[in-house]
Amino acid sequence: MIVDVDPGIDDAMAIFYSVRRPGIKLEALTTTFGNTDTAIATGNTLRVLELLGRPDILVAKGVDRSLIHPYARRADHVHGRNAIGDIELPEPKIRPTDEHASDLIIRVGRDHALSGGTCH
């Protein structure tokens, strides 16, 4: 499974669930804007994976703006300035891939299909 996230508190919990849920093989996480901007979302994704002891899961940064509307942060009153409730986690040691999120999704899907896996 590949999950596209913008962690926020809710997506941080989705990452926890996806990593810990038996039967889910989390291949990668891609990040985008939403609850926060893409840079903060990417950092939060890496922090959560490090907290969970899963630096092996790929993280790729995606788009940071809409094609139509300018991005405006509107969820700080819910998610805090850092989008994870203003909880301070250490700077992550792991880094995102150099691959763009859309390219990672295509590559992982192709690799999985070529190895005989099924995509649902």
PDB file of N, CA and C in Angstrom:
ATOM      1  N   MET A   1       0.831  -1.158   0.000  1.00  0.00           N
ATOM      2  CA  MET A   1       0.000   0.000   0.000  1.00  0.00           C
ATOM      3  C   MET A   1       0.889   1.238   0.000  1.00  0.00           C
ATOM      4  N   ILE A   2       0.447   2.257  -0.695  1.00  0.00           N
ATOM      5  CA  ILE A   2       1.072   3.575  -0.665  1.00  0.00           C
ATOM      6  C   ILE A   2       0.009   4.518  -0.127  1.00  0.00           C
ATOM      7  N   VAL A   3       0.382   5.343   0.852  1.00  0.00           N
ATOM      8  CA  VAL A   3      -0.568   6.277   1.442  1.00  0.00           C
ATOM      9  C   VAL A   3      -0.063   7.693   1.199  1.00  0.00           C
ATOM     10  N   ASP A   4      -0.942   8.544   0.693  1.00  0.00           N
ATOM     11  CA  ASP A   4      -0.628   9.946   0.472  1.00  0.00           C
ATOM     12  C   ASP A   4      -1.117  10.714   1.698  1.00  0.00           C
ATOM     13  N   VAL A   5      -0.206  11.451   2.338  1.00  0.00           N
ATOM     14  CA  VAL A   5      -0.523  12.081   3.619  1.00  0.00           C
ATOM     15  C   VAL A   5      -0.135  13.553   3.646  1.00  0.00           C
ATOM     16  N   ASP A   6      -0.770  14.257   4.598  1.00  0.00           N
ATOM     17  CA  ASP A   6      -0.416  15.648   4.893  1.00  0.00           C
ATOM     18  C   ASP A   6      -0.429  15.818   6.416  1.00  0.00           C
ATOM     19  N   PRO A   7       0.403  15.042   7.129  1.00  0.00           N
ATOM     20  CA  PRO A   7       0.264  14.946   8.577  1.00  0.00           C
ATOM     21  C   PRO A   7       0.379  16.268   9.289  1.00  0.00           C
ATOM     22  N   GLY A   8      -0.637  16.662   9.738  1.00  0.00           N
ATOM     23  CA  GLY A   8      -1.762  16.672  10.596  1.00  0.00           C
ATOM     24  C   GLY A   8      -1.847  15.453  11.527  1.00  0.00           C
ATOM     25  N   ILE A   9      -2.553  15.785  12.606  1.00  0.00           N
ATOM     26  CA  ILE A   9      -2.796  14.799  13.651  1.00  0.00           C
ATOM     27  C   ILE A   9      -3.479  13.563  13.069  1.00  0.00           C
ATOM     28  N   ASP A  10      -4.494  13.764  12.237  1.00  0.00           N
ATOM     29  CA  ASP A  10      -5.253  12.649  11.687  1.00  0.00           C
ATOM     30  C   ASP A  10      -4.395  11.744  10.804  1.00  0.00           C
ATOM     31  N   ASP A  11      -3.592  12.334   9.939  1.00  0.00           N
ATOM     32  CA  ASP A  11      -2.749  11.507   9.074  1.00  0.00           C
ATOM     33  C   ASP A  11      -1.574  10.891   9.827  1.00  0.00           C
ATOM     34  N   ALA A  12      -1.102  11.540  10.870  1.00  0.00           N
ATOM     35  CA  ALA A  12      -0.082  10.915  11.718  1.00  0.00           C
ATOM     36  C   ALA A  12      -0.648   9.616  12.299  1.00  0.00           C
ATOM     37  N   MET A  13      -1.906   9.654  12.714  1.00  0.00           N
ATOM     38  CA  MET A  13      -2.542   8.443  13.240  1.00  0.00           C
ATOM     39  C   MET A  13      -2.747   7.401  12.137  1.00  0.00           C
ATOM     40  N   ALA A  14      -3.036   7.846  10.919  1.00  0.00           N
ATOM     41  CA  ALA A  14      -3.181   6.914   9.797  1.00  0.00           C
ATOM     42  C   ALA A  14      -1.854   6.210   9.512  1.00  0.00           C
ATOM     43  N   ILE A  15      -0.749   6.935   9.661  1.00  0.00           N
ATOM     44  CA  ILE A  15       0.567   6.312   9.478  1.00  0.00           C
ATOM     45  C   ILE A  15       0.795   5.267  10.560  1.00  0.00           C
ATOM     46  N   PHE A  16       0.515   5.616  11.824  1.00  0.00           N
ATOM     47  CA  PHE A  16       0.649   4.652  12.924  1.00  0.00           C
ATOM     48  C   PHE A  16      -0.155   3.393  12.607  1.00  0.00           C
ATOM     49  N   TYR A  17      -1.395   3.569  12.212  1.00  0.00           N
ATOM     50  CA  TYR A  17      -2.273   2.443  11.922  1.00  0.00           C
ATOM     51  C   TYR A  17      -1.715   1.593  10.778  1.00  0.00           C
ATOM     52  N   SER A  18      -1.315   2.254   9.682  1.00  0.00           N
ATOM     53  CA  SER A  18      -0.825   1.536   8.507  1.00  0.00           C
ATOM     54  C   SER A  18       0.438   0.742   8.805  1.00  0.00           C
ATOM     55  N   VAL A  19       1.308   1.281   9.657  1.00  0.00           N
ATOM     56  CA  VAL A  19       2.554   0.600  10.009  1.00  0.00           C
ATOM     57  C   VAL A  19       2.290  -0.584  10.935  1.00  0.00           C
ATOM     58  N   ARG A  20       1.381  -0.424  11.866  1.00  0.00           N
ATOM     59  CA  ARG A  20       1.165  -1.443  12.904  1.00  0.00           C
ATOM     60  C   ARG A  20       0.079  -2.466  12.591  1.00  0.00           C
ATOM     61  N   ARG A  21      -0.755  -2.208  11.603  1.00  0.00           N
ATOM     62  CA  ARG A  21      -1.879  -3.098  11.304  1.00  0.00           C
ATOM     63  C   ARG A  21      -1.406  -4.369  10.606  1.00  0.00           C
ATOM     64  N   PRO A  22      -1.664  -5.540  11.205  1.00  0.00           N
ATOM     65  CA  PRO A  22      -1.317  -6.794  10.520  1.00  0.00           C
ATOM     66  C   PRO A  22      -2.056  -6.874   9.182  1.00  0.00           C
ATOM     67  N   GLY A  23      -1.367  -7.383   8.193  1.00  0.00           N
ATOM     68  CA  GLY A  23      -1.989  -7.545   6.887  1.00  0.00           C
ATOM     69  C   GLY A  23      -1.758  -6.373   5.941  1.00  0.00           C
ATOM     70  N   ILE A  24      -1.237  -5.276   6.454  1.00  0.00           N
ATOM     71  CA  ILE A  24      -0.915  -4.136   5.589  1.00  0.00           C
ATOM     72  C   ILE A  24       0.588  -4.119   5.369  1.00  0.00           C
ATOM     73  N   LYS A  25       0.972  -4.097   4.113  1.00  0.00           N
ATOM     74  CA  LYS A  25       2.382  -3.927   3.773  1.00  0.00           C
ATOM     75  C   LYS A  25       2.518  -2.513   3.211  1.00  0.00           C
ATOM     76  N   LEU A  26       3.027  -1.629   4.030  1.00  0.00           N
ATOM     77  CA  LEU A  26       3.180  -0.238   3.635  1.00  0.00           C
ATOM     78  C   LEU A  26       4.461  -0.094   2.836  1.00  0.00           C
ATOM     79  N   GLU A  27       4.325   0.163   1.553  1.00  0.00           N
ATOM     80  CA  GLU A  27       5.465   0.286   0.645  1.00  0.00           C
ATOM     81  C   GLU A  27       6.088   1.681   0.726  1.00  0.00           C
ATOM     82  N   ALA A  28       5.223   2.693   0.815  1.00  0.00           N
ATOM     83  CA  ALA A  28       5.723   4.067   0.764  1.00  0.00           C
ATOM     84  C   ALA A  28       4.661   5.038   1.262  1.00  0.00           C
ATOM     85  N   LEU A  29       5.137   6.224   1.599  1.00  0.00           N
ATOM     86  CA  LEU A  29       4.268   7.351   1.937  1.00  0.00           C
ATOM     87  C   LEU A  29       4.647   8.502   1.026  1.00  0.00           C
ATOM     88  N   THR A  30       3.636   9.163   0.486  1.00  0.00           N
ATOM     89  CA  THR A  30       3.873  10.367  -0.295  1.00  0.00           C
ATOM     90  C   THR A  30       3.236  11.527   0.451  1.00  0.00           C
ATOM     91  N   THR A  31       3.797  12.712   0.282  1.00  0.00           N
ATOM     92  CA  THR A  31       3.316  13.852   1.061  1.00  0.00           C
ATOM     93  C   THR A  31       2.827  14.967   0.149  1.00  0.00           C
ATOM     94  N   THR A  32       1.890  15.725   0.683  1.00  0.00           N
ATOM     95  CA  THR A  32       1.313  16.844  -0.042  1.00  0.00           C
ATOM     96  C   THR A  32       0.853  17.899   0.961  1.00  0.00           C
ATOM     97  N   PHE A  33       0.301  18.986   0.453  1.00  0.00           N
ATOM     98  CA  PHE A  33      -0.225  20.049   1.316  1.00  0.00           C
ATOM     99  C   PHE A  33      -1.665  19.734   1.700  1.00  0.00           C
ATOM    100  N   GLY A  34      -2.139  20.399   2.706  1.00  0.00           N
ATOM    101  CA  GLY A  34      -3.510  20.216   3.180  1.00  0.00           C
ATOM    102  C   GLY A  34      -3.620  20.783   4.573  1.00  0.00           C
ATOM    103  N   ASN A  35      -3.475  19.916   5.575  1.00  0.00           N
ATOM    104  CA  ASN A  35      -3.484  20.390   6.959  1.00  0.00           C
ATOM    105  C   ASN A  35      -2.322  21.333   7.230  1.00  0.00           C
ATOM    106  N   THR A  36      -1.269  21.199   6.456  1.00  0.00           N
ATOM    107  CA  THR A  36      -0.084  22.040   6.562  1.00  0.00           C
ATOM    108  C   THR A  36       0.570  22.085   5.194  1.00  0.00           C
ATOM    109  N   ASP A  37       1.679  22.783   5.078  1.00  0.00           N
ATOM    110  CA  ASP A  37       2.356  22.808   3.781  1.00  0.00           C
ATOM    111  C   ASP A  37       3.149  21.515   3.586  1.00  0.00           C
ATOM    112  N   THR A  38       3.583  21.290   2.365  1.00  0.00           N
ATOM    113  CA  THR A  38       4.232  20.031   2.006  1.00  0.00           C
ATOM    114  C   THR A  38       5.547  19.816   2.737  1.00  0.00           C
ATOM    115  N   ALA A  39       6.299  20.870   2.957  1.00  0.00           N
ATOM    116  CA  ALA A  39       7.588  20.722   3.665  1.00  0.00           C
ATOM    117  C   ALA A  39       7.364  20.234   5.097  1.00  0.00           C
ATOM    118  N   ILE A  40       6.421  20.828   5.807  1.00  0.00           N
ATOM    119  CA  ILE A  40       6.127  20.392   7.179  1.00  0.00           C
ATOM    120  C   ILE A  40       5.532  18.983   7.167  1.00  0.00           C
ATOM    121  N   ALA A  41       4.653  18.706   6.210  1.00  0.00           N
ATOM    122  CA  ALA A  41       4.053  17.370   6.104  1.00  0.00           C
ATOM    123  C   ALA A  41       5.118  16.300   5.882  1.00  0.00           C
ATOM    124  N   THR A  42       6.106  16.609   5.062  1.00  0.00           N
ATOM    125  CA  THR A  42       7.185  15.655   4.799  1.00  0.00           C
ATOM    126  C   THR A  42       8.009  15.423   6.058  1.00  0.00           C
ATOM    127  N   GLY A  43       8.365  16.506   6.745  1.00  0.00           N
ATOM    128  CA  GLY A  43       9.114  16.370   7.997  1.00  0.00           C
ATOM    129  C   GLY A  43       8.345  15.577   9.039  1.00  0.00           C
ATOM    130  N   ASN A  44       7.046  15.846   9.164  1.00  0.00           N
ATOM    131  CA  ASN A  44       6.228  15.104  10.131  1.00  0.00           C
ATOM    132  C   ASN A  44       6.151  13.631   9.783  1.00  0.00           C
ATOM    133  N   THR A  45       6.049  13.322   8.500  1.00  0.00           N
ATOM    134  CA  THR A  45       6.007  11.922   8.060  1.00  0.00           C
ATOM    135  C   THR A  45       7.289  11.206   8.463  1.00  0.00           C
ATOM    136  N   LEU A  46       8.421  11.841   8.212  1.00  0.00           N
ATOM    137  CA  LEU A  46       9.707  11.246   8.576  1.00  0.00           C
ATOM    138  C   LEU A  46       9.835  11.087  10.092  1.00  0.00           C
ATOM    139  N   ARG A  47       9.374  12.075  10.854  1.00  0.00           N
ATOM    140  CA  ARG A  47       9.431  11.997  12.321  1.00  0.00           C
ATOM    141  C   ARG A  47       8.592  10.833  12.850  1.00  0.00           C
ATOM    142  N   VAL A  48       7.399  10.670  12.304  1.00  0.00           N
ATOM    143  CA  VAL A  48       6.514   9.585  12.756  1.00  0.00           C
ATOM    144  C   VAL A  48       7.132   8.231  12.416  1.00  0.00           C
ATOM    145  N   LEU A  49       7.665   8.078  11.209  1.00  0.00           N
ATOM    146  CA  LEU A  49       8.299   6.807  10.840  1.00  0.00           C
ATOM    147  C   LEU A  49       9.490   6.500  11.742  1.00  0.00           C
ATOM    148  N   GLU A  50      10.272   7.507  12.056  1.00  0.00           N
ATOM    149  CA  GLU A  50      11.418   7.301  12.944  1.00  0.00           C
ATOM    150  C   GLU A  50      10.947   6.905  14.343  1.00  0.00           C
ATOM    151  N   LEU A  51       9.896   7.557  14.815  1.00  0.00           N
ATOM    152  CA  LEU A  51       9.318   7.230  16.121  1.00  0.00           C
ATOM    153  C   LEU A  51       8.847   5.774  16.150  1.00  0.00           C
ATOM    154  N   LEU A  52       8.335   5.300  15.035  1.00  0.00           N
ATOM    155  CA  LEU A  52       7.842   3.923  14.928  1.00  0.00           C
ATOM    156  C   LEU A  52       8.948   2.919  14.617  1.00  0.00           C
ATOM    157  N   GLY A  53      10.175   3.398  14.426  1.00  0.00           N
ATOM    158  CA  GLY A  53      11.271   2.490  14.107  1.00  0.00           C
ATOM    159  C   GLY A  53      11.190   1.917  12.707  1.00  0.00           C
ATOM    160  N   ARG A  54      10.630   2.689  11.755  1.00  0.00           N
ATOM    161  CA  ARG A  54      10.462   2.208  10.385  1.00  0.00           C
ATOM    162  C   ARG A  54      11.113   3.145   9.365  1.00  0.00           C
ATOM    163  N   PRO A  55      12.420   3.335   9.487  1.00  0.00           N
ATOM    164  CA  PRO A  55      13.111   4.190   8.514  1.00  0.00           C
ATOM    165  C   PRO A  55      13.193   3.565   7.119  1.00  0.00           C
ATOM    166  N   ASP A  56      12.787   2.297   7.003  1.00  0.00           N
ATOM    167  CA  ASP A  56      12.853   1.580   5.731  1.00  0.00           C
ATOM    168  C   ASP A  56      11.723   1.946   4.778  1.00  0.00           C
ATOM    169  N   ILE A  57      10.679   2.578   5.280  1.00  0.00           N
ATOM    170  CA  ILE A  57       9.543   2.940   4.429  1.00  0.00           C
ATOM    171  C   ILE A  57       9.890   4.208   3.656  1.00  0.00           C
ATOM    172  N   LEU A  58       9.745   4.131   2.349  1.00  0.00           N
ATOM    173  CA  LEU A  58      10.072   5.266   1.484  1.00  0.00           C
ATOM    174  C   LEU A  58       9.119   6.426   1.709  1.00  0.00           C
ATOM    175  N   VAL A  59       9.661   7.631   1.650  1.00  0.00           N
ATOM    176  CA  VAL A  59       8.862   8.860   1.729  1.00  0.00           C
ATOM    177  C   VAL A  59       9.264   9.729   0.550  1.00  0.00           C
ATOM    178  N   ALA A  60       8.271  10.173  -0.213  1.00  0.00           N
ATOM    179  CA  ALA A  60       8.527  11.051  -1.353  1.00  0.00           C
ATOM    180  C   ALA A  60       7.637  12.279  -1.260  1.00  0.00           C
ATOM    181  N   LYS A  61       8.239  13.417  -1.461  1.00  0.00           N
ATOM    182  CA  LYS A  61       7.521  14.695  -1.408  1.00  0.00           C
ATOM    183  C   LYS A  61       6.764  14.903  -2.714  1.00  0.00           C
ATOM    184  N   GLY A  62       5.511  15.332  -2.563  1.00  0.00           N
ATOM    185  CA  GLY A  62       4.683  15.609  -3.735  1.00  0.00           C
ATOM    186  C   GLY A  62       4.505  17.093  -3.960  1.00  0.00           C
ATOM    187  N   VAL A  63       3.398  17.444  -4.551  1.00  0.00           N
ATOM    188  CA  VAL A  63       3.129  18.836  -4.919  1.00  0.00           C
ATOM    189  C   VAL A  63       2.927  19.706  -3.679  1.00  0.00           C
ATOM    190  N   ASP A  64       3.211  20.987  -3.847  1.00  0.00           N
ATOM    191  CA  ASP A  64       3.037  21.899  -2.724  1.00  0.00           C
ATOM    192  C   ASP A  64       2.029  23.011  -3.014  1.00  0.00           C
ATOM    193  N   ARG A  65       1.307  22.845  -4.127  1.00  0.00           N
ATOM    194  CA  ARG A  65       0.258  23.816  -4.424  1.00  0.00           C
ATOM    195  C   ARG A  65      -0.748  23.203  -5.395  1.00  0.00           C
ATOM    196  N   SER A  66      -1.923  23.772  -5.403  1.00  0.00           N
ATOM    197  CA  SER A  66      -2.979  23.370  -6.317  1.00  0.00           C
ATOM    198  C   SER A  66      -2.709  23.962  -7.696  1.00  0.00           C
ATOM    199  N   LEU A  67      -3.213  23.337  -8.706  1.00  0.00           N
ATOM    200  CA  LEU A  67      -3.099  23.902 -10.048  1.00  0.00           C
ATOM    201  C   LEU A  67      -4.020  25.106 -10.223  1.00  0.00           C
ATOM    202  N   ILE A  68      -5.036  25.194  -9.389  1.00  0.00           N
ATOM    203  CA  ILE A  68      -6.058  26.229  -9.568  1.00  0.00           C
ATOM    204  C   ILE A  68      -6.014  27.300  -8.485  1.00  0.00           C
ATOM    205  N   HIS A  69      -5.947  26.880  -7.227  1.00  0.00           N
ATOM    206  CA  HIS A  69      -6.054  27.824  -6.117  1.00  0.00           C
ATOM    207  C   HIS A  69      -4.736  27.922  -5.357  1.00  0.00           C
ATOM    208  N   PRO A  70      -4.389  29.114  -4.890  1.00  0.00           N
ATOM    209  CA  PRO A  70      -3.191  29.221  -4.046  1.00  0.00           C
ATOM    210  C   PRO A  70      -3.438  28.503  -2.718  1.00  0.00           C
ATOM    211  N   TYR A  71      -2.381  27.919  -2.179  1.00  0.00           N
ATOM    212  CA  TYR A  71      -2.499  27.219  -0.901  1.00  0.00           C
ATOM    213  C   TYR A  71      -2.543  28.219   0.247  1.00  0.00           C
ATOM    214  N   ALA A  72      -3.449  27.993   1.166  1.00  0.00           N
ATOM    215  CA  ALA A  72      -3.532  28.804   2.382  1.00  0.00           C
ATOM    216  C   ALA A  72      -3.690  27.859   3.563  1.00  0.00           C
ATOM    217  N   ARG A  73      -2.819  28.009   4.547  1.00  0.00           N
ATOM    218  CA  ARG A  73      -2.931  27.172   5.753  1.00  0.00           C
ATOM    219  C   ARG A  73      -4.132  27.643   6.548  1.00  0.00           C
ATOM    220  N   ARG A  74      -5.069  26.718   6.754  1.00  0.00           N
ATOM    221  CA  ARG A  74      -6.298  27.080   7.458  1.00  0.00           C
ATOM    222  C   ARG A  74      -6.611  26.140   8.615  1.00  0.00           C
ATOM    223  N   ALA A  75      -5.680  25.255   8.961  1.00  0.00           N
ATOM    224  CA  ALA A  75      -5.987  24.257   9.984  1.00  0.00           C
ATOM    225  C   ALA A  75      -5.119  24.386  11.231  1.00  0.00           C
ATOM    226  N   ASP A  76      -4.361  25.471  11.362  1.00  0.00           N
ATOM    227  CA  ASP A  76      -3.501  25.629  12.542  1.00  0.00           C
ATOM    228  C   ASP A  76      -4.298  25.624  13.847  1.00  0.00           C
ATOM    229  N   HIS A  77      -5.513  26.119  13.814  1.00  0.00           N
ATOM    230  CA  HIS A  77      -6.336  26.141  15.037  1.00  0.00           C
ATOM    231  C   HIS A  77      -6.734  24.733  15.489  1.00  0.00           C
ATOM    232  N   VAL A  78      -6.644  23.762  14.575  1.00  0.00           N
ATOM    233  CA  VAL A  78      -6.950  22.365  14.904  1.00  0.00           C
ATOM    234  C   VAL A  78      -5.660  21.570  15.140  1.00  0.00           C
ATOM    235  N   HIS A  79      -4.716  21.689  14.210  1.00  0.00           N
ATOM    236  CA  HIS A  79      -3.520  20.841  14.206  1.00  0.00           C
ATOM    237  C   HIS A  79      -2.290  21.495  14.828  1.00  0.00           C
ATOM    238  N   GLY A  80      -2.349  22.774  15.125  1.00  0.00           N
ATOM    239  CA  GLY A  80      -1.196  23.473  15.672  1.00  0.00           C
ATOM    240  C   GLY A  80      -0.286  23.995  14.577  1.00  0.00           C
ATOM    241  N   ARG A  81       0.676  24.806  14.965  1.00  0.00           N
ATOM    242  CA  ARG A  81       1.597  25.403  13.988  1.00  0.00           C
ATOM    243  C   ARG A  81       2.425  24.358  13.253  1.00  0.00           C
ATOM    244  N   ASN A  82       2.775  23.274  13.947  1.00  0.00           N
ATOM    245  CA  ASN A  82       3.591  22.245  13.289  1.00  0.00           C
ATOM    246  C   ASN A  82       2.740  21.077  12.775  1.00  0.00           C
ATOM    247  N   ALA A  83       1.430  21.226  12.862  1.00  0.00           N
ATOM    248  CA  ALA A  83       0.446  20.274  12.341  1.00  0.00           C
ATOM    249  C   ALA A  83       0.318  18.975  13.139  1.00  0.00           C
ATOM    250  N   ILE A  84       1.134  18.788  14.163  1.00  0.00           N
ATOM    251  CA  ILE A  84       0.986  17.604  15.018  1.00  0.00           C
ATOM    252  C   ILE A  84       0.757  18.037  16.466  1.00  0.00           C
ATOM    253  N   GLY A  85      -0.144  19.010  16.605  1.00  0.00           N
ATOM    254  CA  GLY A  85      -0.562  19.445  17.926  1.00  0.00           C
ATOM    255  C   GLY A  85       0.502  20.196  18.696  1.00  0.00           C
ATOM    256  N   ASP A  86       1.462  20.767  17.991  1.00  0.00           N
ATOM    257  CA  ASP A  86       2.588  21.480  18.600  1.00  0.00           C
ATOM    258  C   ASP A  86       3.422  20.603  19.521  1.00  0.00           C
ATOM    259  N   ILE A  87       3.326  19.279  19.328  1.00  0.00           N
ATOM    260  CA  ILE A  87       4.219  18.338  20.010  1.00  0.00           C
ATOM    261  C   ILE A  87       5.558  18.408  19.282  1.00  0.00           C
ATOM    262  N   GLU A  88       6.621  18.576  20.034  1.00  0.00           N
ATOM    263  CA  GLU A  88       7.946  18.684  19.416  1.00  0.00           C
ATOM    264  C   GLU A  88       8.618  17.311  19.387  1.00  0.00           C
ATOM    265  N   LEU A  89       8.822  16.801  18.200  1.00  0.00           N
ATOM    266  CA  LEU A  89       9.559  15.556  18.005  1.00  0.00           C
ATOM    267  C   LEU A  89      10.938  15.912  17.472  1.00  0.00           C
ATOM    268  N   PRO A  90      11.941  15.081  17.753  1.00  0.00           N
ATOM    269  CA  PRO A  90      13.297  15.385  17.266  1.00  0.00           C
ATOM    270  C   PRO A  90      13.352  15.473  15.747  1.00  0.00           C
ATOM    271  N   GLU A  91      14.330  16.232  15.266  1.00  0.00           N
ATOM    272  CA  GLU A  91      14.568  16.283  13.824  1.00  0.00           C
ATOM    273  C   GLU A  91      14.846  14.869  13.339  1.00  0.00           C
ATOM    274  N   PRO A  92      14.232  14.467  12.233  1.00  0.00           N
ATOM    275  CA  PRO A  92      14.463  13.098  11.744  1.00  0.00           C
ATOM    276  C   PRO A  92      15.854  12.937  11.153  1.00  0.00           C
ATOM    277  N   LYS A  93      16.390  11.755  11.327  1.00  0.00           N
ATOM    278  CA  LYS A  93      17.676  11.414  10.710  1.00  0.00           C
ATOM    279  C   LYS A  93      17.460  10.903   9.286  1.00  0.00           C
ATOM    280  N   ILE A  94      16.293  10.284   9.064  1.00  0.00           N
ATOM    281  CA  ILE A  94      15.993   9.763   7.730  1.00  0.00           C
ATOM    282  C   ILE A  94      15.572  10.920   6.827  1.00  0.00           C
ATOM    283  N   ARG A  95      15.688  10.721   5.546  1.00  0.00           N
ATOM    284  CA  ARG A  95      15.379  11.747   4.551  1.00  0.00           C
ATOM    285  C   ARG A  95      14.421  11.187   3.506  1.00  0.00           C
ATOM    286  N   PRO A  96      13.668  12.080   2.857  1.00  0.00           N
ATOM    287  CA  PRO A  96      12.817  11.604   1.769  1.00  0.00           C
ATOM    288  C   PRO A  96      13.676  11.213   0.561  1.00  0.00           C
ATOM    289  N   THR A  97      13.090  10.443  -0.325  1.00  0.00           N
ATOM    290  CA  THR A  97      13.789  10.095  -1.552  1.00  0.00           C
ATOM    291  C   THR A  97      13.917  11.343  -2.419  1.00  0.00           C
ATOM    292  N   ASP A  98      14.773  11.274  -3.407  1.00  0.00           N
ATOM    293  CA  ASP A  98      14.891  12.373  -4.374  1.00  0.00           C
ATOM    294  C   ASP A  98      13.792  12.295  -5.427  1.00  0.00           C
ATOM    295  N   GLU A  99      13.068  11.203  -5.415  1.00  0.00           N
ATOM    296  CA  GLU A  99      12.011  10.958  -6.391  1.00  0.00           C
ATOM    297  C   GLU A  99      10.764  11.774  -6.041  1.00  0.00           C
ATOM    298  N   HIS A 100      10.094  12.332  -7.036  1.00  0.00           N
ATOM    299  CA  HIS A 100       8.829  13.024  -6.803  1.00  0.00           C
ATOM    300  C   HIS A 100       7.761  11.981  -6.466  1.00  0.00           C
ATOM    301  N   ALA A 101       6.800  12.360  -5.654  1.00  0.00           N
ATOM    302  CA  ALA A 101       5.772  11.420  -5.198  1.00  0.00           C
ATOM    303  C   ALA A 101       5.066  10.719  -6.358  1.00  0.00           C
ATOM    304  N   SER A 102       4.700  11.457  -7.388  1.00  0.00           N
ATOM    305  CA  SER A 102       3.991  10.827  -8.513  1.00  0.00           C
ATOM    306  C   SER A 102       4.874   9.798  -9.214  1.00  0.00           C
ATOM    307  N   ASP A 103       6.162  10.078  -9.342  1.00  0.00           N
ATOM    308  CA  ASP A 103       7.077   9.118  -9.958  1.00  0.00           C
ATOM    309  C   ASP A 103       7.249   7.878  -9.085  1.00  0.00           C
ATOM    310  N   LEU A 104       7.299   8.066  -7.783  1.00  0.00           N
ATOM    311  CA  LEU A 104       7.426   6.931  -6.866  1.00  0.00           C
ATOM    312  C   LEU A 104       6.193   6.029  -6.957  1.00  0.00           C
ATOM    313  N   ILE A 105       5.019   6.619  -7.002  1.00  0.00           N
ATOM    314  CA  ILE A 105       3.783   5.832  -7.109  1.00  0.00           C
ATOM    315  C   ILE A 105       3.807   4.981  -8.375  1.00  0.00           C
ATOM    316  N   ILE A 106       4.187   5.578  -9.487  1.00  0.00           N
ATOM    317  CA  ILE A 106       4.248   4.844 -10.756  1.00  0.00           C
ATOM    318  C   ILE A 106       5.285   3.733 -10.677  1.00  0.00           C
ATOM    319  N   ARG A 107       6.483   4.046 -10.180  1.00  0.00           N
ATOM    320  CA  ARG A 107       7.561   3.056 -10.113  1.00  0.00           C
ATOM    321  C   ARG A 107       7.206   1.887  -9.208  1.00  0.00           C
ATOM    322  N   VAL A 108       6.713   2.176  -8.017  1.00  0.00           N
ATOM    323  CA  VAL A 108       6.377   1.098  -7.081  1.00  0.00           C
ATOM    324  C   VAL A 108       5.245   0.240  -7.641  1.00  0.00           C
ATOM    325  N   GLY A 109       4.260   0.859  -8.252  1.00  0.00           N
ATOM    326  CA  GLY A 109       3.167   0.098  -8.867  1.00  0.00           C
ATOM    327  C   GLY A 109       3.663  -0.797  -9.984  1.00  0.00           C
ATOM    328  N   ARG A 110       4.528  -0.254 -10.835  1.00  0.00           N
ATOM    329  CA  ARG A 110       5.111  -1.033 -11.936  1.00  0.00           C
ATOM    330  C   ARG A 110       5.957  -2.183 -11.404  1.00  0.00           C
ATOM    331  N   ASP A 111       6.843  -1.874 -10.438  1.00  0.00           N
ATOM    332  CA  ASP A 111       7.700  -2.915  -9.857  1.00  0.00           C
ATOM    333  C   ASP A 111       6.871  -4.026  -9.240  1.00  0.00           C
ATOM    334  N   HIS A 112       5.812  -3.657  -8.570  1.00  0.00           N
ATOM    335  CA  HIS A 112       4.943  -4.640  -7.918  1.00  0.00           C
ATOM    336  C   HIS A 112       4.247  -5.517  -8.965  1.00  0.00           C
ATOM    337  N   ALA A 113       3.752  -4.889 -10.021  1.00  0.00           N
ATOM    338  CA  ALA A 113       3.082  -5.646 -11.071  1.00  0.00           C
ATOM    339  C   ALA A 113       4.056  -6.581 -11.786  1.00  0.00           C
ATOM    340  N   LEU A 114       5.267  -6.104 -12.042  1.00  0.00           N
ATOM    341  CA  LEU A 114       6.274  -6.928 -12.726  1.00  0.00           C
ATOM    342  C   LEU A 114       6.741  -8.099 -11.884  1.00  0.00           C
ATOM    343  N   SER A 115       6.648  -7.952 -10.551  1.00  0.00           N
ATOM    344  CA  SER A 115       7.081  -9.040  -9.677  1.00  0.00           C
ATOM    345  C   SER A 115       5.958 -10.054  -9.454  1.00  0.00           C
ATOM    346  N   GLY A 116       4.843  -9.883 -10.144  1.00  0.00           N
ATOM    347  CA  GLY A 116       3.744 -10.827 -10.011  1.00  0.00           C
ATOM    348  C   GLY A 116       2.723 -10.471  -8.963  1.00  0.00           C
ATOM    349  N   GLY A 117       2.888  -9.307  -8.350  1.00  0.00           N
ATOM    350  CA  GLY A 117       1.909  -8.854  -7.352  1.00  0.00           C
ATOM    351  C   GLY A 117       0.656  -8.335  -8.022  1.00  0.00           C
ATOM    352  N   THR A 118      -0.362  -8.169  -7.240  1.00  0.00           N
ATOM    353  CA  THR A 118      -1.598  -7.604  -7.773  1.00  0.00           C
ATOM    354  C   THR A 118      -1.834  -6.242  -7.158  1.00  0.00           C
ATOM    355  N   CYS A 119      -2.370  -5.349  -7.937  1.00  0.00           N
ATOM    356  CA  CYS A 119      -2.722  -4.021  -7.446  1.00  0.00           C
ATOM    357  C   CYS A 119      -4.213  -3.965  -7.274  1.00  0.00           C
ATOM    358  N   HIS A 120      -4.650  -3.466  -6.152  1.00  0.00           N
ATOM    359  CA  HIS A 120      -6.090  -3.378  -5.874  1.00  0.00           C
ATOM    360  C   HIS A 120      -6.508  -1.940  -5.831  1.00  0.00           C
TER     361      HIS A 120
END
